[in-house]
Every structure is written in structure tokens, then in C-alpha cells.
Protein backbone atom coordinates (compact mmCIF):
# COMPACT_ATOMS: atom_id res chain seq x y z
CA MET A 1 124.96 80.90 40.24
CA ASN A 2 128.35 82.42 39.32
CA LYS A 3 130.70 83.21 42.16
CA VAL A 4 134.19 84.59 42.68
CA SER A 5 136.45 84.15 45.67
CA ALA A 6 137.72 87.06 47.73
CA ALA A 7 141.28 85.99 46.85
CA THR A 8 140.53 86.37 43.13
CA LEU A 9 138.90 89.75 43.69
CA ILE A 10 141.93 91.08 45.57
CA LYS A 11 144.24 89.85 42.81
CA ASN A 12 142.20 91.61 40.10
CA VAL A 13 141.91 95.00 41.83
CA SER A 14 145.60 95.52 42.58
CA ARG A 15 145.26 99.25 41.80
CA LEU A 16 143.43 99.70 45.13
CA ASN A 17 146.53 98.57 47.06
CA LEU A 18 144.45 96.35 49.31
CA SER A 19 145.98 95.00 52.49
CA ILE A 20 144.66 92.06 54.47
CA ILE A 21 143.89 93.00 58.08
CA TYR A 22 142.43 89.64 59.06
CA GLY A 23 141.60 86.29 57.48
CA HIS A 24 144.26 85.62 54.86
CA GLU A 25 143.52 81.90 55.09
CA LEU A 26 139.79 82.56 54.65
CA LEU A 27 140.01 84.38 51.30
CA ASP A 28 139.84 81.31 49.02
CA GLY A 29 136.71 80.05 50.76
CA CYS A 30 134.98 83.44 50.92
CA ALA A 31 132.53 83.38 47.99
CA ILE A 32 131.07 86.55 46.45
CA THR A 33 127.93 86.15 44.33
CA SER A 34 126.74 89.75 43.85
CA SER A 35 128.47 92.44 41.80
CA ARG A 36 126.86 95.17 43.90
CA VAL A 37 128.99 96.49 46.74
CA GLN A 38 126.89 97.37 49.80
CA ARG A 39 127.39 100.45 51.97
CA PRO A 40 125.92 99.26 55.31
CA GLY A 41 124.61 102.61 56.54
CA LEU A 42 121.02 101.44 57.01
CA ALA A 43 122.18 98.22 58.63
CA LEU A 44 124.12 100.19 61.24
CA ALA A 45 120.87 102.00 61.98
CA GLY A 46 119.18 98.65 62.58
CA TYR A 47 117.55 97.99 59.19
CA PHE A 48 118.71 94.60 57.89
CA ASP A 49 115.99 93.66 55.38
CA HIS A 50 118.22 94.16 52.33
CA ILE A 51 121.41 92.54 53.60
CA ARG A 52 122.11 89.64 51.25
CA PRO A 53 124.64 86.86 51.84
CA ASN A 54 127.92 86.76 49.86
CA ARG A 55 127.88 90.47 49.12
CA VAL A 56 130.87 92.74 49.83
CA GLN A 57 130.34 95.23 52.69
CA LEU A 58 132.22 98.54 52.31
CA PHE A 59 132.83 100.83 55.29
CA GLY A 60 133.74 104.42 54.56
CA GLU A 61 134.35 107.41 56.80
CA THR A 62 130.60 108.09 57.13
CA GLU A 63 129.75 104.55 58.30
CA LEU A 64 132.58 104.43 60.83
CA PHE A 65 131.70 107.86 62.21
CA PHE A 66 128.05 106.87 62.62
CA LEU A 67 129.07 103.62 64.29
CA ARG A 68 131.00 105.56 66.95
CA THR A 69 127.86 107.56 67.84
CA LEU A 70 126.02 104.40 68.90
CA PRO A 71 126.14 102.94 72.43
CA GLU A 72 128.70 100.13 72.74
CA SER A 73 126.03 97.47 73.20
CA LYS A 74 124.23 98.69 70.08
CA GLN A 75 127.48 98.76 68.10
CA GLU A 76 128.15 95.13 68.91
CA GLU A 77 124.58 94.13 68.08
CA VAL A 78 124.44 95.75 64.63
CA ILE A 79 127.96 94.68 63.56
CA ASP A 80 127.39 91.10 64.67
CA THR A 81 124.05 90.92 62.81
CA LEU A 82 125.56 92.52 59.70
CA VAL A 83 128.53 90.12 59.55
CA LYS A 84 126.29 87.11 60.28
CA LEU A 85 123.87 88.00 57.46
CA SER A 86 126.40 89.10 54.84
CA LYS A 87 128.79 86.13 55.26
CA SER A 88 131.27 87.96 53.06
CA LEU A 89 134.25 90.26 52.77
CA LEU A 90 134.48 93.45 54.88
CA ILE A 91 136.42 96.35 53.35
CA VAL A 92 137.42 99.62 55.02
CA SER A 93 138.37 102.43 52.61
CA LYS A 94 140.87 105.34 52.77
CA LYS A 95 143.19 103.25 54.95
CA LEU A 96 141.08 104.20 57.95
CA PRO A 97 141.81 102.41 61.25
CA VAL A 98 139.62 99.34 61.60
CA PRO A 99 137.66 99.45 64.88
CA GLU A 100 138.60 96.71 67.33
CA LEU A 101 134.94 95.73 67.60
CA ILE A 102 134.72 94.96 63.86
CA LEU A 103 137.92 92.88 64.04
CA LYS A 104 136.67 90.98 67.08
CA ILE A 105 133.33 90.09 65.51
CA ALA A 106 134.96 89.29 62.14
CA GLN A 107 137.23 86.81 63.89
CA ASN A 108 134.28 85.22 65.69
CA ARG A 109 132.31 84.95 62.44
CA GLU A 110 135.36 84.09 60.31
CA ALA A 111 134.87 87.00 57.92
CA PRO A 112 137.96 88.47 56.17
CA VAL A 113 138.71 92.16 56.75
CA ILE A 114 140.51 94.19 54.06
CA SER A 115 141.81 97.76 53.99
CA SER A 116 141.91 99.92 50.83
CA GLU A 117 144.20 102.91 50.32
CA GLN A 118 141.77 104.56 47.90
CA SER A 119 138.66 106.65 48.56
CA THR A 120 135.31 105.03 49.25
CA VAL A 121 133.95 105.99 45.82
CA GLN A 122 137.00 104.73 43.94
CA THR A 123 137.07 101.50 45.95
CA ASN A 124 133.36 100.95 45.27
CA ASN A 125 133.69 101.60 41.54
CA GLU A 126 136.78 99.44 41.06
CA ILE A 127 135.38 96.46 42.94
CA SER A 128 131.95 96.74 41.28
CA TYR A 129 133.54 96.86 37.81
CA CYS A 130 135.67 93.79 38.55
CA LEU A 131 132.76 91.80 40.01
CA ASP A 132 130.43 92.88 37.23
CA TYR A 133 132.69 91.15 34.70
CA ALA A 134 133.60 88.14 36.86
CA LEU A 135 129.97 87.37 37.74
CA ALA A 136 128.43 88.17 34.36
CA PRO A 137 126.26 85.52 32.60
CA GLU A 138 128.43 83.51 30.22
CA THR A 139 128.25 80.95 27.47
CA VAL A 140 130.48 79.27 24.88
CA MET A 141 130.01 79.57 21.10
CA HIS A 142 131.60 77.52 18.33
CA GLY A 143 133.17 79.80 15.75
CA VAL A 144 136.02 82.16 14.92
CA PHE A 145 135.95 85.59 16.53
CA MET A 146 137.79 88.43 14.77
CA ASP A 147 138.39 92.14 15.16
CA VAL A 148 137.65 93.34 11.61
CA CYS A 149 137.86 97.07 10.87
CA GLY A 150 137.35 97.72 14.58
CA LEU A 151 134.19 95.59 14.78
CA GLY A 152 133.85 92.32 16.65
CA ALA A 153 132.82 89.80 13.97
CA MET A 154 131.85 86.29 15.05
CA ILE A 155 132.17 83.88 12.10
CA ILE A 156 130.10 80.72 12.52
CA GLY A 157 129.17 77.79 10.28
CA LYS A 158 129.47 74.05 9.88
CA SER A 159 132.77 72.36 10.63
CA GLY A 160 135.14 72.42 7.64
CA ILE A 161 133.35 75.24 5.79
CA GLY A 162 136.44 77.48 5.91
CA LYS A 163 136.13 79.70 8.98
CA SER A 164 139.73 79.34 10.16
CA GLU A 165 141.15 79.76 6.64
CA CYS A 166 139.14 82.97 6.30
CA ALA A 167 140.46 84.16 9.68
CA LEU A 168 144.02 83.47 8.54
CA GLU A 169 143.49 85.60 5.41
CA LEU A 170 142.02 88.39 7.54
CA VAL A 171 145.04 88.35 9.85
CA LYS A 172 147.32 88.61 6.80
CA LYS A 173 145.34 91.72 5.80
CA GLY A 174 146.04 93.32 9.20
CA HIS A 175 142.93 92.33 11.16
CA ARG A 176 143.15 90.64 14.56
CA LEU A 177 142.21 87.22 15.91
CA VAL A 178 140.37 87.02 19.23
CA ALA A 179 139.45 83.32 19.36
CA ASP A 180 139.46 80.30 17.08
CA ASP A 181 137.03 77.38 17.33
CA ILE A 182 135.78 78.13 20.87
CA THR A 183 134.75 81.63 21.95
CA HIS A 184 133.89 82.33 25.58
CA ILE A 185 131.19 84.98 25.84
CA LYS A 186 130.11 87.14 28.77
CA ARG A 187 127.30 89.66 28.99
CA ARG A 188 128.14 93.19 30.10
CA ARG A 189 124.93 95.10 30.75
CA HIS A 190 123.42 95.58 27.25
CA TYR A 191 126.21 94.01 25.16
CA VAL A 192 128.30 90.82 25.03
CA VAL A 193 132.08 90.35 25.00
CA GLY A 194 133.98 87.44 23.47
CA THR A 195 137.40 86.08 24.42
CA SER A 196 139.54 82.96 24.13
CA ASN A 197 140.63 80.73 26.96
CA ASP A 198 144.25 80.83 28.11
CA LEU A 199 145.19 77.54 26.44
CA LEU A 200 143.94 78.40 22.93
CA ARG A 201 144.71 82.13 22.90
CA SER A 202 146.62 83.23 19.76
CA HIS A 203 146.37 79.72 18.26
CA ILE A 204 144.47 78.68 15.15
CA GLU A 205 143.96 75.32 13.45
CA VAL A 206 144.41 75.10 9.70
CA ARG A 207 143.51 71.71 8.27
CA GLY A 208 146.49 70.04 6.62
CA VAL A 209 148.94 72.35 8.38
CA GLY A 210 148.13 71.93 12.08
CA ILE A 211 148.00 74.29 15.05
CA LEU A 212 149.62 77.68 14.41
CA ASN A 213 150.61 80.39 16.88
CA LEU A 214 149.70 83.59 15.04
CA SER A 215 151.43 85.89 17.52
CA GLU A 216 154.73 84.18 16.69
CA ILE A 217 154.15 84.20 12.93
CA PHE A 218 152.58 87.65 12.44
CA GLY A 219 153.54 89.42 15.68
CA ILE A 220 151.64 90.30 18.82
CA THR A 221 149.48 92.89 17.00
CA ALA A 222 147.72 90.02 15.19
CA ILE A 223 146.00 89.06 18.47
CA ARG A 224 143.38 90.73 20.63
CA ASN A 225 142.43 89.38 24.06
CA ARG A 226 138.76 90.36 24.09
CA LYS A 227 136.26 92.32 22.01
CA LYS A 228 132.62 93.35 22.03
CA ILE A 229 130.56 91.23 19.61
CA ASP A 230 129.03 93.61 17.04
CA LEU A 231 127.79 91.16 14.40
CA VAL A 232 127.59 87.46 13.57
CA ILE A 233 128.48 86.22 10.09
CA GLU A 234 127.26 82.71 9.25
CA PHE A 235 128.99 80.84 6.44
CA ILE A 236 126.42 78.68 4.67
CA ASN A 237 126.56 76.33 1.68
CA PHE A 238 125.49 78.19 -1.47
CA ASN A 239 122.76 75.69 -2.41
CA GLU A 240 121.27 75.92 1.06
CA TRP A 241 121.42 79.73 1.03
CA ASN A 242 119.87 79.91 -2.46
CA LYS A 243 117.01 77.70 -1.32
CA HIS A 244 116.06 79.48 1.89
CA THR A 245 117.27 83.06 1.70
CA GLU A 246 116.69 84.29 -1.83
CA ALA A 247 114.29 86.96 -0.49
CA ASN A 248 117.23 88.67 1.23
CA ARG A 249 119.38 89.22 -1.85
CA SER A 250 118.69 92.95 -1.58
CA GLY A 251 119.99 93.05 2.02
CA LEU A 252 116.79 94.66 3.31
CA LEU A 253 115.94 91.94 5.85
CA ASP A 254 117.39 92.55 9.30
CA ASN A 255 118.20 89.12 10.73
CA THR A 256 119.42 88.81 14.32
CA VAL A 257 120.69 86.09 16.64
CA SER A 258 120.23 86.15 20.42
CA ILE A 259 123.35 85.68 22.55
CA LEU A 260 122.67 85.79 26.29
CA ASP A 261 119.42 87.67 25.51
CA VAL A 262 121.26 90.32 23.46
CA ASN A 263 120.15 90.58 19.82
CA ILE A 264 123.16 90.70 17.47
CA PRO A 265 122.85 91.43 13.71
CA LEU A 266 123.20 88.21 11.68
CA ILE A 267 124.52 88.10 8.11
CA LEU A 268 124.21 84.88 6.07
CA CYS A 269 127.11 84.53 3.60
CA PRO A 270 126.99 81.76 0.98
CA VAL A 271 130.23 79.84 0.41
CA TYR A 272 131.24 78.28 -2.90
CA PRO A 273 134.56 77.39 -4.61
CA GLY A 274 136.58 80.40 -5.77
CA ARG A 275 134.76 82.95 -3.60
CA ASN A 276 137.12 85.08 -1.51
CA MET A 277 135.42 84.94 1.91
CA SER A 278 137.93 87.23 3.63
CA GLU A 279 137.03 90.00 1.16
CA ILE A 280 133.33 89.34 1.81
CA VAL A 281 133.80 89.54 5.59
CA GLU A 282 135.66 92.85 5.19
CA LEU A 283 132.80 94.20 3.04
CA VAL A 284 130.22 93.05 5.59
CA ALA A 285 132.13 94.81 8.39
CA LYS A 286 132.52 98.06 6.42
CA ASN A 287 128.87 98.01 5.37
CA HIS A 288 127.85 97.50 9.01
CA ILE A 289 129.92 100.54 10.01
CA LEU A 290 128.02 102.57 7.40
CA LYS A 291 124.73 101.34 8.85
CA LEU A 292 125.84 102.45 12.31
CA MET A 293 126.44 105.87 10.74
CA LYS A 294 122.83 105.84 9.43
CA HIS A 295 123.96 105.17 5.85
CA ASP A 296 122.17 102.01 4.72
CA SER A 297 122.99 101.36 1.04
CA SER A 298 120.24 98.75 0.56
CA LYS A 299 117.52 101.01 1.95
CA MET A 300 118.78 104.01 -0.01
CA PHE A 301 118.76 101.98 -3.23
CA SER A 302 115.25 100.70 -2.46
CA GLU A 303 114.05 104.27 -1.86
CA LYS A 304 115.48 105.35 -5.25
CA ILE A 305 113.55 102.56 -6.96
CA GLN A 306 110.34 103.56 -5.16
CA LYS A 307 110.80 107.17 -6.28
CA GLN A 308 111.28 106.05 -9.90
CA ILE A 309 108.10 103.96 -9.68
CA GLU A 310 106.17 106.93 -8.26
CA LEU A 311 107.46 109.23 -11.00
CA LYS A 312 106.31 106.80 -13.71
CA ARG A 313 102.92 106.44 -12.06
CA ASN A 314 102.49 110.20 -12.03
CA GLY A 315 103.46 110.45 -15.69
């Protein structure tokens, strides 16, 4: 199970101007495993069935007002049960005063208490967005990831087939490198996002030359930190492609590859000496953009042929 510490969360949502009320030393050990922020209204009313451990609890004006309407003994009971079950970070929005009772129980249960300057809705949205990315399912894929014509193109293939050399040519044409060799991928709802790790970012290996820093050679605009993966282009030896994929010479077959249970269009591109693969990748990207605009050249050409056949049949 993925998890993120409360200290990391606070660092990544600096726009909320969070301040630590209690438990600064507890933040690194406070693990959060759910991207959903919980508003504990029902829990304050005594319903605890859906309180899950390691889930952020957010108190807004409504929750604090309702808490004050309860008898003191009931207040202590529900807050103690809530903190015991959630075992996580407590956040109070709108810079509202934190009730002494919440601080007392948080100290007893060793739960950090944080205050946000922003509204309850904004605090909820910002934290949920941050946790959604940090806790997303992830994997690693071998290949070169490029931003080509605004599309995220993952170039894969056997080692030494020319992926990095193609990426270098694409950068020279004005396209942008996201990751070379190792691409870290995370799922965001119905799509996946690729990025490089901090060590390899902006670097590319070219055999015979070595490791190059493209941001220093071509400028910072040659690099992009992350990008949605729109298509996968697999470089394949021409003899192998000719043997197994001849039926797809027309481009009518829609191949896909599953990445974290998201189906991504897959294009098989044969490689042979003298073929300019950077030009081919550009063509693939532009053709994919046309398909997204409901303009599929292969299907349109096939329909023209079918119409000609029908005309000849009808005399």
C-alpha cells in the first residue's frame, strides 16, 4: 500500500499556509494512506462505521459549531473515538481556533494538529489533489518518453535499437524530453502520467558519446518534468515486423497496451538502416492528433475503396 507522511503533505501544499498547532515531531511518522479527506460530521454525531485509519480528518466551521452543541462528556467521547480510529492528521480550516478538548485528546493520542488559513473547500480540494497524485498506483517502464507535438509519446523497444538517438533528433527539432531509459508512471483516475526521477532528469545516454545533459546543450525548454502518456510507439526489427504484422500495413488495426489498467494506443514501427525514425515518430504523433479530431486517414481511404468496389458491382 502506498503511503505519504504528514510532513511531505505539508511541504507539498504550501499554498494553504498551514501552521503546526501540535505534534511537529510526529509529522514524519504520521502515515496517510487514503487520498480522500474526511469531514467527520457523522462521527461527531456518534456514527463511526466509516472512519478508516490513516485518513486525514478535516474540521470546518460546521463541525466545530456542532461539536459545541454537544454535552462536554459527549464531546470528549466522540473526539477521543474519532482520533483513536483515524490515527492520522487533524486539520482545522479557516484559521479557526482549535478547541482545547481537541488539543488535549490529540496530545494523549499523539495525533498532529494543523491549522489552514484557507476555506474548508479549498483546503479539502488542495489536500485531496496532492494525496491523489502521491498515493496513485505506480510502475516503472523501460523506454524514452517524449513530448512530441503536444502528445506524450512513450518510445519502447529492445536495448540498442535507437530510442535515445531518435529522442535526440526529436529534441533538435524542438520537441521535449521527459525521461530517458527509465520512466516512472503513475495513474491519475482514467489516465497515466510519466516522469523521470530526480537523478536522471534532463539526461540522456548516447552510445559512443556518453551521458548528456540536454537542458545545458539545448536550453531548459528541451525538457519537460511530466506528461500524460497518449500513445506508445514500439521500435521493432524490420524482419520481425514483416513476419508478424503485415496485416496492419493499412493502419486499420487498433493495437493497445495496458499500463496500470489503462489502455494506451500502440504503434509498431519497423526499424532498418537509413530510415529516419524521428520523422516517423513525428508522423505518428500528428496522425494520432488527426484521429483524436475524428479524422482517420486509414479508415477514410478504406471507405473510398469500398465505395469504388460497390460502384463496380452495381455497374
